[in-house]
Amino acid sequence: MEGITKSAAIELAGTGVRVNIVGPVETRMSNHFAQTKENKANFLDAQVPNKRIGTPEEIANAIAFIASD
């Protein structure tokens, strides 16, 4: 998703269209796929610079901010 987002942002840069990505978000589904604390820790170490997953409320606030003027 990051690669597609970066490509779209570059492609649309001069058109006034902003392209963003938010996440990851902690949900029942993401916890189900992690299955173990070790899997979740490995994902955080490899993919998330601040080593924590956002809550649904944090992601909603980020999206509301990005969508605002």
PDB file of N, CA and C in Angstrom:
ATOM      1  N   MET A   1       0.814  -1.192   0.000  1.00  0.00           N
ATOM      2  CA  MET A   1       0.000   0.000   0.000  1.00  0.00           C
ATOM      3  C   MET A   1       0.861   1.260   0.000  1.00  0.00           C
ATOM      4  N   GLU A   2       1.983   1.207   0.713  1.00  0.00           N
ATOM      5  CA  GLU A   2       2.834   2.389   0.755  1.00  0.00           C
ATOM      6  C   GLU A   2       3.367   2.734  -0.628  1.00  0.00           C
ATOM      7  N   GLY A   3       3.773   1.734  -1.383  1.00  0.00           N
ATOM      8  CA  GLY A   3       4.299   1.970  -2.720  1.00  0.00           C
ATOM      9  C   GLY A   3       3.256   2.566  -3.649  1.00  0.00           C
ATOM     10  N   ILE A   4       2.050   2.037  -3.609  1.00  0.00           N
ATOM     11  CA  ILE A   4       0.957   2.560  -4.434  1.00  0.00           C
ATOM     12  C   ILE A   4       0.645   3.992  -4.032  1.00  0.00           C
ATOM     13  N   THR A   5       0.629   4.256  -2.730  1.00  0.00           N
ATOM     14  CA  THR A   5       0.334   5.602  -2.242  1.00  0.00           C
ATOM     15  C   THR A   5       1.394   6.592  -2.698  1.00  0.00           C
ATOM     16  N   LYS A   6       2.662   6.229  -2.570  1.00  0.00           N
ATOM     17  CA  LYS A   6       3.746   7.114  -3.009  1.00  0.00           C
ATOM     18  C   LYS A   6       3.667   7.370  -4.508  1.00  0.00           C
ATOM     19  N   SER A   7       3.431   6.319  -5.282  1.00  0.00           N
ATOM     20  CA  SER A   7       3.327   6.481  -6.735  1.00  0.00           C
ATOM     21  C   SER A   7       2.169   7.395  -7.109  1.00  0.00           C
ATOM     22  N   ALA A   8       1.015   7.192  -6.484  1.00  0.00           N
ATOM     23  CA  ALA A   8      -0.148   8.033  -6.772  1.00  0.00           C
ATOM     24  C   ALA A   8       0.106   9.473  -6.356  1.00  0.00           C
ATOM     25  N   ALA A   9       0.764   9.683  -5.222  1.00  0.00           N
ATOM     26  CA  ALA A   9       1.069  11.041  -4.763  1.00  0.00           C
ATOM     27  C   ALA A   9       1.982  11.752  -5.750  1.00  0.00           C
ATOM     28  N   ILE A  10       2.974  11.068  -6.253  1.00  0.00           N
ATOM     29  CA  ILE A  10       3.891  11.661  -7.242  1.00  0.00           C
ATOM     30  C   ILE A  10       3.146  11.948  -8.543  1.00  0.00           C
ATOM     31  N   GLU A  11       2.370  10.984  -8.994  1.00  0.00           N
ATOM     32  CA  GLU A  11       1.628  11.124 -10.257  1.00  0.00           C
ATOM     33  C   GLU A  11       0.640  12.284 -10.212  1.00  0.00           C
ATOM     34  N   LEU A  12       0.000  12.494  -9.064  1.00  0.00           N
ATOM     35  CA  LEU A  12      -1.060  13.499  -8.953  1.00  0.00           C
ATOM     36  C   LEU A  12      -0.588  14.811  -8.324  1.00  0.00           C
ATOM     37  N   ALA A  13       0.701  14.946  -8.082  1.00  0.00           N
ATOM     38  CA  ALA A  13       1.237  16.097  -7.343  1.00  0.00           C
ATOM     39  C   ALA A  13       0.814  17.444  -7.924  1.00  0.00           C
ATOM     40  N   GLY A  14       0.777  17.602  -9.202  1.00  0.00           N
ATOM     41  CA  GLY A  14       0.454  18.891  -9.808  1.00  0.00           C
ATOM     42  C   GLY A  14      -1.022  19.143 -10.036  1.00  0.00           C
ATOM     43  N   THR A  15      -1.874  18.215  -9.632  1.00  0.00           N
ATOM     44  CA  THR A  15      -3.301  18.328  -9.941  1.00  0.00           C
ATOM     45  C   THR A  15      -4.146  18.856  -8.787  1.00  0.00           C
ATOM     46  N   GLY A  16      -3.546  19.042  -7.625  1.00  0.00           N
ATOM     47  CA  GLY A  16      -4.317  19.470  -6.464  1.00  0.00           C
ATOM     48  C   GLY A  16      -4.911  18.317  -5.682  1.00  0.00           C
ATOM     49  N   VAL A  17      -4.650  17.095  -6.105  1.00  0.00           N
ATOM     50  CA  VAL A  17      -5.149  15.917  -5.397  1.00  0.00           C
ATOM     51  C   VAL A  17      -4.066  15.449  -4.433  1.00  0.00           C
ATOM     52  N   ARG A  18      -4.431  15.307  -3.162  1.00  0.00           N
ATOM     53  CA  ARG A  18      -3.504  14.791  -2.161  1.00  0.00           C
ATOM     54  C   ARG A  18      -3.762  13.309  -1.963  1.00  0.00           C
ATOM     55  N   VAL A  19      -2.700  12.558  -1.807  1.00  0.00           N
ATOM     56  CA  VAL A  19      -2.815  11.117  -1.590  1.00  0.00           C
ATOM     57  C   VAL A  19      -2.109  10.792  -0.285  1.00  0.00           C
ATOM     58  N   ASN A  20      -2.835  10.174   0.636  1.00  0.00           N
ATOM     59  CA  ASN A  20      -2.290   9.839   1.949  1.00  0.00           C
ATOM     60  C   ASN A  20      -2.629   8.408   2.307  1.00  0.00           C
ATOM     61  N   ILE A  21      -1.902   7.890   3.262  1.00  0.00           N
ATOM     62  CA  ILE A  21      -2.190   6.574   3.817  1.00  0.00           C
ATOM     63  C   ILE A  21      -2.134   6.706   5.336  1.00  0.00           C
ATOM     64  N   VAL A  22      -3.044   6.064   6.020  1.00  0.00           N
ATOM     65  CA  VAL A  22      -3.033   6.048   7.478  1.00  0.00           C
ATOM     66  C   VAL A  22      -3.078   4.604   7.954  1.00  0.00           C
ATOM     67  N   GLY A  23      -2.470   4.378   9.081  1.00  0.00           N
ATOM     68  CA  GLY A  23      -2.485   3.038   9.640  1.00  0.00           C
ATOM     69  C   GLY A  23      -1.109   2.670  10.110  1.00  0.00           C
ATOM     70  N   PRO A  24      -0.907   1.537  10.623  1.00  0.00           N
ATOM     71  CA  PRO A  24      -1.901   0.500  10.855  1.00  0.00           C
ATOM     72  C   PRO A  24      -2.800   0.830  12.034  1.00  0.00           C
ATOM     73  N   VAL A  25      -3.915   0.167  12.080  1.00  0.00           N
ATOM     74  CA  VAL A  25      -4.893   0.392  13.142  1.00  0.00           C
ATOM     75  C   VAL A  25      -5.159  -0.922  13.868  1.00  0.00           C
ATOM     76  N   GLU A  26      -5.275  -0.826  15.191  1.00  0.00           N
ATOM     77  CA  GLU A  26      -5.538  -2.019  15.987  1.00  0.00           C
ATOM     78  C   GLU A  26      -7.035  -2.306  16.024  1.00  0.00           C
ATOM     79  N   THR A  27      -7.414  -3.439  15.488  1.00  0.00           N
ATOM     80  CA  THR A  27      -8.802  -3.879  15.464  1.00  0.00           C
ATOM     81  C   THR A  27      -8.855  -5.351  15.868  1.00  0.00           C
ATOM     82  N   ARG A  28     -10.051  -5.853  16.054  1.00  0.00           N
ATOM     83  CA  ARG A  28     -10.187  -7.291  16.333  1.00  0.00           C
ATOM     84  C   ARG A  28      -9.589  -8.107  15.192  1.00  0.00           C
ATOM     85  N   MET A  29      -9.781  -7.663  13.960  1.00  0.00           N
ATOM     86  CA  MET A  29      -9.266  -8.416  12.818  1.00  0.00           C
ATOM     87  C   MET A  29      -7.734  -8.406  12.806  1.00  0.00           C
ATOM     88  N   SER A  30      -7.115  -7.238  13.037  1.00  0.00           N
ATOM     89  CA  SER A  30      -5.652  -7.200  13.030  1.00  0.00           C
ATOM     90  C   SER A  30      -5.090  -8.041  14.177  1.00  0.00           C
ATOM     91  N   ASN A  31      -5.744  -8.020  15.322  1.00  0.00           N
ATOM     92  CA  ASN A  31      -5.303  -8.854  16.437  1.00  0.00           C
ATOM     93  C   ASN A  31      -5.474 -10.334  16.124  1.00  0.00           C
ATOM     94  N   HIS A  32      -6.532 -10.677  15.399  1.00  0.00           N
ATOM     95  CA  HIS A  32      -6.754 -12.067  15.006  1.00  0.00           C
ATOM     96  C   HIS A  32      -5.629 -12.558  14.100  1.00  0.00           C
ATOM     97  N   PHE A  33      -5.208 -11.729  13.144  1.00  0.00           N
ATOM     98  CA  PHE A  33      -4.156 -12.144  12.218  1.00  0.00           C
ATOM     99  C   PHE A  33      -2.791 -12.207  12.890  1.00  0.00           C
ATOM    100  N   ALA A  34      -2.554 -11.348  13.879  1.00  0.00           N
ATOM    101  CA  ALA A  34      -1.277 -11.397  14.602  1.00  0.00           C
ATOM    102  C   ALA A  34      -1.188 -12.689  15.414  1.00  0.00           C
ATOM    103  N   GLN A  35      -2.265 -13.109  16.000  1.00  0.00           N
ATOM    104  CA  GLN A  35      -2.427 -14.350  16.771  1.00  0.00           C
ATOM    105  C   GLN A  35      -1.567 -14.427  18.024  1.00  0.00           C
ATOM    106  N   THR A  36      -0.323 -14.015  17.979  1.00  0.00           N
ATOM    107  CA  THR A  36       0.526 -14.080  19.171  1.00  0.00           C
ATOM    108  C   THR A  36       1.175 -12.726  19.421  1.00  0.00           C
ATOM    109  N   LYS A  37       1.563 -12.496  20.650  1.00  0.00           N
ATOM    110  CA  LYS A  37       2.270 -11.261  20.989  1.00  0.00           C
ATOM    111  C   LYS A  37       3.603 -11.175  20.244  1.00  0.00           C
ATOM    112  N   GLU A  38       4.233 -12.323  20.013  1.00  0.00           N
ATOM    113  CA  GLU A  38       5.511 -12.344  19.292  1.00  0.00           C
ATOM    114  C   GLU A  38       5.328 -11.889  17.845  1.00  0.00           C
ATOM    115  N   ASN A  39       4.283 -12.372  17.175  1.00  0.00           N
ATOM    116  CA  ASN A  39       4.013 -11.939  15.804  1.00  0.00           C
ATOM    117  C   ASN A  39       3.751 -10.439  15.750  1.00  0.00           C
ATOM    118  N   LYS A  40       2.979  -9.933  16.704  1.00  0.00           N
ATOM    119  CA  LYS A  40       2.672  -8.506  16.747  1.00  0.00           C
ATOM    120  C   LYS A  40       3.954  -7.708  16.993  1.00  0.00           C
ATOM    121  N   ALA A  41       4.796  -8.157  17.908  1.00  0.00           N
ATOM    122  CA  ALA A  41       6.055  -7.478  18.200  1.00  0.00           C
ATOM    123  C   ALA A  41       6.970  -7.474  16.975  1.00  0.00           C
ATOM    124  N   ASN A  42       7.026  -8.579  16.256  1.00  0.00           N
ATOM    125  CA  ASN A  42       7.856  -8.648  15.039  1.00  0.00           C
ATOM    126  C   ASN A  42       7.360  -7.674  13.989  1.00  0.00           C
ATOM    127  N   PHE A  43       6.035  -7.571  13.828  1.00  0.00           N
ATOM    128  CA  PHE A  43       5.456  -6.617  12.875  1.00  0.00           C
ATOM    129  C   PHE A  43       5.820  -5.193  13.277  1.00  0.00           C
ATOM    130  N   LEU A  44       5.656  -4.875  14.543  1.00  0.00           N
ATOM    131  CA  LEU A  44       5.964  -3.519  15.004  1.00  0.00           C
ATOM    132  C   LEU A  44       7.433  -3.187  14.783  1.00  0.00           C
ATOM    133  N   ASP A  45       8.309  -4.120  15.094  1.00  0.00           N
ATOM    134  CA  ASP A  45       9.740  -3.883  14.899  1.00  0.00           C
ATOM    135  C   ASP A  45      10.086  -3.646  13.438  1.00  0.00           C
ATOM    136  N   ALA A  46       9.432  -4.383  12.549  1.00  0.00           N
ATOM    137  CA  ALA A  46       9.765  -4.307  11.125  1.00  0.00           C
ATOM    138  C   ALA A  46       9.068  -3.170  10.391  1.00  0.00           C
ATOM    139  N   GLN A  47       7.870  -2.781  10.816  1.00  0.00           N
ATOM    140  CA  GLN A  47       7.050  -1.902   9.991  1.00  0.00           C
ATOM    141  C   GLN A  47       6.657  -0.564  10.618  1.00  0.00           C
ATOM    142  N   VAL A  48       6.725  -0.434  11.929  1.00  0.00           N
ATOM    143  CA  VAL A  48       6.150   0.735  12.580  1.00  0.00           C
ATOM    144  C   VAL A  48       7.239   1.475  13.363  1.00  0.00           C
ATOM    145  N   PRO A  49       7.647   2.667  12.884  1.00  0.00           N
ATOM    146  CA  PRO A  49       8.756   3.375  13.528  1.00  0.00           C
ATOM    147  C   PRO A  49       8.548   3.660  15.015  1.00  0.00           C
ATOM    148  N   ASN A  50       7.347   4.034  15.433  1.00  0.00           N
ATOM    149  CA  ASN A  50       7.149   4.365  16.842  1.00  0.00           C
ATOM    150  C   ASN A  50       6.716   3.165  17.681  1.00  0.00           C
ATOM    151  N   LYS A  51       6.692   1.989  17.086  1.00  0.00           N
ATOM    152  CA  LYS A  51       6.455   0.720  17.776  1.00  0.00           C
ATOM    153  C   LYS A  51       5.094   0.611  18.458  1.00  0.00           C
ATOM    154  N   ARG A  52       4.094   1.300  17.926  1.00  0.00           N
ATOM    155  CA  ARG A  52       2.729   1.131  18.433  1.00  0.00           C
ATOM    156  C   ARG A  52       1.758   1.286  17.282  1.00  0.00           C
ATOM    157  N   ILE A  53       0.634   0.583  17.394  1.00  0.00           N
ATOM    158  CA  ILE A  53      -0.410   0.635  16.382  1.00  0.00           C
ATOM    159  C   ILE A  53      -1.456   1.640  16.833  1.00  0.00           C
ATOM    160  N   GLY A  54      -1.980   2.414  15.896  1.00  0.00           N
ATOM    161  CA  GLY A  54      -2.985   3.409  16.225  1.00  0.00           C
ATOM    162  C   GLY A  54      -4.316   2.799  16.611  1.00  0.00           C
ATOM    163  N   THR A  55      -5.046   3.542  17.422  1.00  0.00           N
ATOM    164  CA  THR A  55      -6.393   3.117  17.784  1.00  0.00           C
ATOM    165  C   THR A  55      -7.357   3.573  16.693  1.00  0.00           C
ATOM    166  N   PRO A  56      -8.541   2.970  16.617  1.00  0.00           N
ATOM    167  CA  PRO A  56      -9.516   3.429  15.629  1.00  0.00           C
ATOM    168  C   PRO A  56      -9.832   4.922  15.767  1.00  0.00           C
ATOM    169  N   GLU A  57      -9.874   5.430  16.997  1.00  0.00           N
ATOM    170  CA  GLU A  57     -10.166   6.851  17.212  1.00  0.00           C
ATOM    171  C   GLU A  57      -9.049   7.736  16.659  1.00  0.00           C
ATOM    172  N   GLU A  58      -7.786   7.328  16.860  1.00  0.00           N
ATOM    173  CA  GLU A  58      -6.660   8.097  16.339  1.00  0.00           C
ATOM    174  C   GLU A  58      -6.670   8.130  14.817  1.00  0.00           C
ATOM    175  N   ILE A  59      -6.963   6.999  14.208  1.00  0.00           N
ATOM    176  CA  ILE A  59      -7.010   6.926  12.747  1.00  0.00           C
ATOM    177  C   ILE A  59      -8.158   7.785  12.224  1.00  0.00           C
ATOM    178  N   ALA A  60      -9.316   7.734  12.877  1.00  0.00           N
ATOM    179  CA  ALA A  60     -10.456   8.561  12.464  1.00  0.00           C
ATOM    180  C   ALA A  60     -10.109  10.037  12.547  1.00  0.00           C
ATOM    181  N   ASN A  61      -9.431  10.449  13.621  1.00  0.00           N
ATOM    182  CA  ASN A  61      -9.018  11.852  13.746  1.00  0.00           C
ATOM    183  C   ASN A  61      -8.027  12.245  12.658  1.00  0.00           C
ATOM    184  N   ALA A  62      -7.102  11.369  12.327  1.00  0.00           N
ATOM    185  CA  ALA A  62      -6.137  11.662  11.258  1.00  0.00           C
ATOM    186  C   ALA A  62      -6.856  11.823   9.914  1.00  0.00           C
ATOM    187  N   ILE A  63      -7.793  10.947   9.640  1.00  0.00           N
ATOM    188  CA  ILE A  63      -8.545  11.037   8.385  1.00  0.00           C
ATOM    189  C   ILE A  63      -9.376  12.314   8.334  1.00  0.00           C
ATOM    190  N   ALA A  64     -10.018  12.662   9.435  1.00  0.00           N
ATOM    191  CA  ALA A  64     -10.801  13.912   9.476  1.00  0.00           C
ATOM    192  C   ALA A  64      -9.902  15.122   9.227  1.00  0.00           C
ATOM    193  N   PHE A  65      -8.698  15.122   9.793  1.00  0.00           N
ATOM    194  CA  PHE A  65      -7.768  16.218   9.566  1.00  0.00           C
ATOM    195  C   PHE A  65      -7.323  16.275   8.101  1.00  0.00           C
ATOM    196  N   ILE A  66      -6.950  15.140   7.561  1.00  0.00           N
ATOM    197  CA  ILE A  66      -6.497  15.100   6.156  1.00  0.00           C
ATOM    198  C   ILE A  66      -7.596  15.541   5.206  1.00  0.00           C
ATOM    199  N   ALA A  67      -8.838  15.181   5.505  1.00  0.00           N
ATOM    200  CA  ALA A  67      -9.961  15.520   4.617  1.00  0.00           C
ATOM    201  C   ALA A  67     -10.425  16.967   4.775  1.00  0.00           C
ATOM    202  N   SER A  68      -9.954  17.649   5.810  1.00  0.00           N
ATOM    203  CA  SER A  68     -10.404  19.028   6.047  1.00  0.00           C
ATOM    204  C   SER A  68      -9.638  20.003   5.155  1.00  0.00           C
ATOM    205  N   ASP A  69     -10.162  21.222   5.083  1.00  0.00           N
ATOM    206  CA  ASP A  69      -9.471  22.265   4.333  1.00  0.00           C
ATOM    207  C   ASP A  69      -8.196  22.666   5.045  1.00  0.00           C
TER     208      ASP A  69
END
